[in-house]
Amino acid sequence: MTREICLKMFRNQGWEIPLTLAEDPDIRQELTLWKALELFLKYPEVRKSAKRDRYQQCLIHLVETFGKDYPNKSSWIPEIKQYQMERLNDGAALATVNREKSTLSKMLQVLTELRHLENNPACLVKNLSESSGERQVYLGHQDFCGLERSYDTGL
């Protein structure tokens, strides 16, 4: 009875019916990547995270690759590995691809916590090795001056 009242209220207001209420096959929609990232970004732990901007940046690339309507249940190890290879072929840095995979894993973890998924396949995919990659390092002015003094004094 309570469920029916809630469904009626949501319909009357024109609101989207939450998946937890939508048990009927006509109402329940498959969780797409777009809906999943909306749930992820609204999750309290993520909404207040200092990494939220970085998550959003990574999610843009995931949506560009998979598309908004990509069913989340279709994400499994081969698709995630394929994503990594495509991003590398697009010229993305190893660290960037690893960060994007970590964001995907975090999103799938949140969906698992919300009971939309049973498991998180991204945690079964290893990060790409960055050990052979060179990193650009910038020296601050203070460090540069310290090097200059060391050179002048012969240390």
C-alpha atoms as a PDB file:
ATOM      1  CA  MET A   1       0.000   0.000   0.000  1.00  0.00           C
ATOM      2  CA  THR A   2       2.757   2.462   0.945  1.00  0.00           C
ATOM      3  CA  ARG A   3       4.658   1.655  -2.240  1.00  0.00           C
ATOM      4  CA  GLU A   4       1.600   2.390  -4.371  1.00  0.00           C
ATOM      5  CA  ILE A   5       1.085   5.754  -2.638  1.00  0.00           C
ATOM      6  CA  CYS A   6       4.722   6.683  -3.264  1.00  0.00           C
ATOM      7  CA  LEU A   7       4.474   5.632  -6.918  1.00  0.00           C
ATOM      8  CA  LYS A   8       1.315   7.703  -7.354  1.00  0.00           C
ATOM      9  CA  MET A   9       2.964  10.729  -5.726  1.00  0.00           C
ATOM     10  CA  PHE A  10       6.016  10.469  -7.998  1.00  0.00           C
ATOM     11  CA  ARG A  11       3.840  10.112 -11.103  1.00  0.00           C
ATOM     12  CA  ASN A  12       1.590  13.038 -10.137  1.00  0.00           C
ATOM     13  CA  GLN A  13       4.588  15.299  -9.563  1.00  0.00           C
ATOM     14  CA  GLY A  14       6.211  14.166 -12.808  1.00  0.00           C
ATOM     15  CA  TRP A  15       9.294  12.972 -10.909  1.00  0.00           C
ATOM     16  CA  GLU A  16      11.502  10.119 -11.986  1.00  0.00           C
ATOM     17  CA  ILE A  17      10.586   6.956 -10.102  1.00  0.00           C
ATOM     18  CA  PRO A  18      13.534   5.720  -8.001  1.00  0.00           C
ATOM     19  CA  LEU A  19      14.790   2.276  -8.962  1.00  0.00           C
ATOM     20  CA  THR A  20      14.142   1.057  -5.419  1.00  0.00           C
ATOM     21  CA  LEU A  21      10.417   1.706  -5.918  1.00  0.00           C
ATOM     22  CA  ALA A  22      10.259   0.477  -9.490  1.00  0.00           C
ATOM     23  CA  GLU A  23       9.687  -3.242  -9.191  1.00  0.00           C
ATOM     24  CA  ASP A  24       7.336  -3.538 -12.167  1.00  0.00           C
ATOM     25  CA  PRO A  25       9.088  -4.385 -15.454  1.00  0.00           C
ATOM     26  CA  ASP A  26       7.252  -1.491 -17.139  1.00  0.00           C
ATOM     27  CA  ILE A  27       8.608   1.004 -14.615  1.00  0.00           C
ATOM     28  CA  ARG A  28      12.080  -0.371 -13.898  1.00  0.00           C
ATOM     29  CA  GLN A  29      14.618   0.884 -16.375  1.00  0.00           C
ATOM     30  CA  GLU A  30      18.037  -0.547 -16.940  1.00  0.00           C
ATOM     31  CA  LEU A  31      20.673   1.497 -15.188  1.00  0.00           C
ATOM     32  CA  THR A  32      22.552   3.425 -17.858  1.00  0.00           C
ATOM     33  CA  LEU A  33      25.970   5.003 -17.526  1.00  0.00           C
ATOM     34  CA  TRP A  34      24.346   8.455 -17.370  1.00  0.00           C
ATOM     35  CA  LYS A  35      21.980   7.516 -14.527  1.00  0.00           C
ATOM     36  CA  ALA A  36      24.834   5.750 -12.760  1.00  0.00           C
ATOM     37  CA  LEU A  37      27.085   8.791 -12.830  1.00  0.00           C
ATOM     38  CA  GLU A  38      24.219  10.961 -11.543  1.00  0.00           C
ATOM     39  CA  LEU A  39      23.786   8.581  -8.583  1.00  0.00           C
ATOM     40  CA  PHE A  40      27.554   8.543  -8.085  1.00  0.00           C
ATOM     41  CA  LEU A  41      27.932  12.329  -8.051  1.00  0.00           C
ATOM     42  CA  LYS A  42      25.001  12.693  -5.612  1.00  0.00           C
ATOM     43  CA  TYR A  43      26.398  10.084  -3.219  1.00  0.00           C
ATOM     44  CA  PRO A  44      27.332  11.894   0.039  1.00  0.00           C
ATOM     45  CA  GLU A  45      30.902  10.594   0.127  1.00  0.00           C
ATOM     46  CA  VAL A  46      31.482  11.767  -3.454  1.00  0.00           C
ATOM     47  CA  ARG A  47      29.455  14.993  -3.288  1.00  0.00           C
ATOM     48  CA  LYS A  48      31.688  16.281  -0.477  1.00  0.00           C
ATOM     49  CA  SER A  49      34.945  14.829  -1.836  1.00  0.00           C
ATOM     50  CA  ALA A  50      37.908  17.029  -2.686  1.00  0.00           C
ATOM     51  CA  LYS A  51      38.337  14.797  -5.778  1.00  0.00           C
ATOM     52  CA  ARG A  52      34.859  15.575  -7.156  1.00  0.00           C
ATOM     53  CA  ASP A  53      36.186  17.772  -9.996  1.00  0.00           C
ATOM     54  CA  ARG A  54      38.676  15.084 -10.969  1.00  0.00           C
ATOM     55  CA  TYR A  55      35.887  12.469 -10.925  1.00  0.00           C
ATOM     56  CA  GLN A  56      33.786  14.641 -13.237  1.00  0.00           C
ATOM     57  CA  GLN A  57      36.694  15.061 -15.648  1.00  0.00           C
ATOM     58  CA  CYS A  58      37.213  11.302 -15.802  1.00  0.00           C
ATOM     59  CA  LEU A  59      33.495  10.642 -16.227  1.00  0.00           C
ATOM     60  CA  ILE A  60      33.449  12.850 -19.340  1.00  0.00           C
ATOM     61  CA  HIS A  61      35.867  10.470 -21.077  1.00  0.00           C
ATOM     62  CA  LEU A  62      33.866   7.429 -19.967  1.00  0.00           C
ATOM     63  CA  VAL A  63      30.662   8.909 -21.415  1.00  0.00           C
ATOM     64  CA  GLU A  64      32.446   9.901 -24.647  1.00  0.00           C
ATOM     65  CA  THR A  65      33.685   6.340 -25.070  1.00  0.00           C
ATOM     66  CA  PHE A  66      30.699   4.278 -23.929  1.00  0.00           C
ATOM     67  CA  GLY A  67      27.811   6.699 -24.493  1.00  0.00           C
ATOM     68  CA  LYS A  68      25.125   7.929 -22.102  1.00  0.00           C
ATOM     69  CA  ASP A  69      22.822   4.964 -22.718  1.00  0.00           C
ATOM     70  CA  TYR A  70      25.470   2.295 -22.133  1.00  0.00           C
ATOM     71  CA  PRO A  71      23.985  -0.309 -19.750  1.00  0.00           C
ATOM     72  CA  ASN A  72      26.121  -0.486 -16.621  1.00  0.00           C
ATOM     73  CA  LYS A  73      25.656  -4.234 -16.339  1.00  0.00           C
ATOM     74  CA  SER A  74      27.568  -4.574 -19.618  1.00  0.00           C
ATOM     75  CA  SER A  75      30.777  -3.339 -17.990  1.00  0.00           C
ATOM     76  CA  TRP A  76      33.006  -6.291 -17.351  1.00  0.00           C
ATOM     77  CA  ILE A  77      36.746  -6.972 -17.472  1.00  0.00           C
ATOM     78  CA  PRO A  78      37.149  -7.142 -21.305  1.00  0.00           C
ATOM     79  CA  GLU A  79      35.228  -3.866 -21.811  1.00  0.00           C
ATOM     80  CA  ILE A  80      37.313  -2.093 -19.167  1.00  0.00           C
ATOM     81  CA  LYS A  81      40.584  -3.355 -20.663  1.00  0.00           C
ATOM     82  CA  GLN A  82      39.366  -2.319 -24.124  1.00  0.00           C
ATOM     83  CA  TYR A  83      38.612   1.149 -22.727  1.00  0.00           C
ATOM     84  CA  GLN A  84      42.157   1.407 -21.371  1.00  0.00           C
ATOM     85  CA  MET A  85      43.640   0.482 -24.757  1.00  0.00           C
ATOM     86  CA  GLU A  86      41.399   2.912 -26.656  1.00  0.00           C
ATOM     87  CA  ARG A  87      42.353   5.770 -24.347  1.00  0.00           C
ATOM     88  CA  LEU A  88      46.043   4.982 -24.778  1.00  0.00           C
ATOM     89  CA  ASN A  89      45.571   4.906 -28.557  1.00  0.00           C
ATOM     90  CA  ASP A  90      43.893   8.327 -28.279  1.00  0.00           C
ATOM     91  CA  GLY A  91      47.115   9.629 -26.738  1.00  0.00           C
ATOM     92  CA  ALA A  92      46.074   9.728 -23.083  1.00  0.00           C
ATOM     93  CA  ALA A  93      48.867   9.330 -20.537  1.00  0.00           C
ATOM     94  CA  LEU A  94      49.152   6.136 -18.501  1.00  0.00           C
ATOM     95  CA  ALA A  95      48.417   8.033 -15.296  1.00  0.00           C
ATOM     96  CA  THR A  96      45.298   9.565 -16.868  1.00  0.00           C
ATOM     97  CA  VAL A  97      43.971   6.174 -17.964  1.00  0.00           C
ATOM     98  CA  ASN A  98      44.641   4.751 -14.497  1.00  0.00           C
ATOM     99  CA  ARG A  99      42.829   7.667 -12.887  1.00  0.00           C
ATOM    100  CA  GLU A 100      39.842   7.150 -15.186  1.00  0.00           C
ATOM    101  CA  LYS A 101      39.758   3.421 -14.369  1.00  0.00           C
ATOM    102  CA  SER A 102      39.923   4.263 -10.666  1.00  0.00           C
ATOM    103  CA  THR A 103      36.998   6.656 -11.071  1.00  0.00           C
ATOM    104  CA  LEU A 104      35.019   3.951 -12.856  1.00  0.00           C
ATOM    105  CA  SER A 105      35.863   1.552 -10.040  1.00  0.00           C
ATOM    106  CA  LYS A 106      34.750   4.082  -7.432  1.00  0.00           C
ATOM    107  CA  MET A 107      31.469   4.628  -9.287  1.00  0.00           C
ATOM    108  CA  LEU A 108      30.835   0.877  -9.541  1.00  0.00           C
ATOM    109  CA  GLN A 109      31.643   0.546  -5.822  1.00  0.00           C
ATOM    110  CA  VAL A 110      29.000   3.177  -5.031  1.00  0.00           C
ATOM    111  CA  LEU A 111      26.479   1.378  -7.260  1.00  0.00           C
ATOM    112  CA  THR A 112      27.271  -1.854  -5.427  1.00  0.00           C
ATOM    113  CA  GLU A 113      26.707  -0.126  -2.085  1.00  0.00           C
ATOM    114  CA  LEU A 114      23.384   1.207  -3.403  1.00  0.00           C
ATOM    115  CA  ARG A 115      22.472  -2.359  -4.500  1.00  0.00           C
ATOM    116  CA  HIS A 116      22.245  -1.531  -8.194  1.00  0.00           C
ATOM    117  CA  LEU A 117      25.084  -3.939  -9.001  1.00  0.00           C
ATOM    118  CA  GLU A 118      26.228  -7.149  -7.380  1.00  0.00           C
ATOM    119  CA  ASN A 119      29.954  -6.637  -7.895  1.00  0.00           C
ATOM    120  CA  ASN A 120      32.621  -4.255  -9.114  1.00  0.00           C
ATOM    121  CA  PRO A 121      34.529  -5.679 -12.098  1.00  0.00           C
ATOM    122  CA  ALA A 122      36.870  -2.677 -12.318  1.00  0.00           C
ATOM    123  CA  CYS A 123      38.634  -3.740  -9.122  1.00  0.00           C
ATOM    124  CA  LEU A 124      39.628  -6.946 -10.952  1.00  0.00           C
ATOM    125  CA  VAL A 125      41.442  -4.970 -13.673  1.00  0.00           C
ATOM    126  CA  LYS A 126      45.024  -3.995 -12.871  1.00  0.00           C
ATOM    127  CA  ASN A 127      46.241  -0.457 -13.377  1.00  0.00           C
ATOM    128  CA  LEU A 128      48.614   0.070 -16.275  1.00  0.00           C
ATOM    129  CA  SER A 129      52.264   0.146 -15.299  1.00  0.00           C
ATOM    130  CA  GLU A 130      53.631   3.668 -15.108  1.00  0.00           C
ATOM    131  CA  SER A 131      57.161   2.639 -14.146  1.00  0.00           C
ATOM    132  CA  SER A 132      58.533   2.990 -17.674  1.00  0.00           C
ATOM    133  CA  GLY A 133      56.815   6.314 -18.236  1.00  0.00           C
ATOM    134  CA  GLU A 134      58.782   9.499 -17.791  1.00  0.00           C
ATOM    135  CA  ARG A 135      57.270  12.259 -15.733  1.00  0.00           C
ATOM    136  CA  GLN A 136      57.741  15.960 -16.186  1.00  0.00           C
ATOM    137  CA  VAL A 137      58.897  17.621 -13.011  1.00  0.00           C
ATOM    138  CA  TYR A 138      58.884  21.328 -12.364  1.00  0.00           C
ATOM    139  CA  LEU A 139      61.152  23.057  -9.908  1.00  0.00           C
ATOM    140  CA  GLY A 140      59.876  25.857  -7.773  1.00  0.00           C
ATOM    141  CA  HIS A 141      61.749  29.155  -7.686  1.00  0.00           C
ATOM    142  CA  GLN A 142      63.133  28.430  -4.220  1.00  0.00           C
ATOM    143  CA  ASP A 143      64.494  25.027  -5.298  1.00  0.00           C
ATOM    144  CA  PHE A 144      65.999  26.556  -8.438  1.00  0.00           C
ATOM    145  CA  CYS A 145      67.772  29.221  -6.384  1.00  0.00           C
ATOM    146  CA  GLY A 146      69.063  26.497  -4.045  1.00  0.00           C
ATOM    147  CA  LEU A 147      70.529  24.616  -7.009  1.00  0.00           C
ATOM    148  CA  GLU A 148      72.066  27.799  -8.335  1.00  0.00           C
ATOM    149  CA  ARG A 149      73.742  28.492  -4.955  1.00  0.00           C
ATOM    150  CA  SER A 150      75.023  24.892  -4.803  1.00  0.00           C
ATOM    151  CA  TYR A 151      76.543  25.281  -8.256  1.00  0.00           C
ATOM    152  CA  ASP A 152      78.167  28.624  -7.392  1.00  0.00           C
ATOM    153  CA  THR A 153      79.758  27.250  -4.207  1.00  0.00           C
ATOM    154  CA  GLY A 154      80.897  24.049  -5.879  1.00  0.00           C
ATOM    155  CA  LEU A 155      78.818  21.665  -3.737  1.00  0.00           C
END
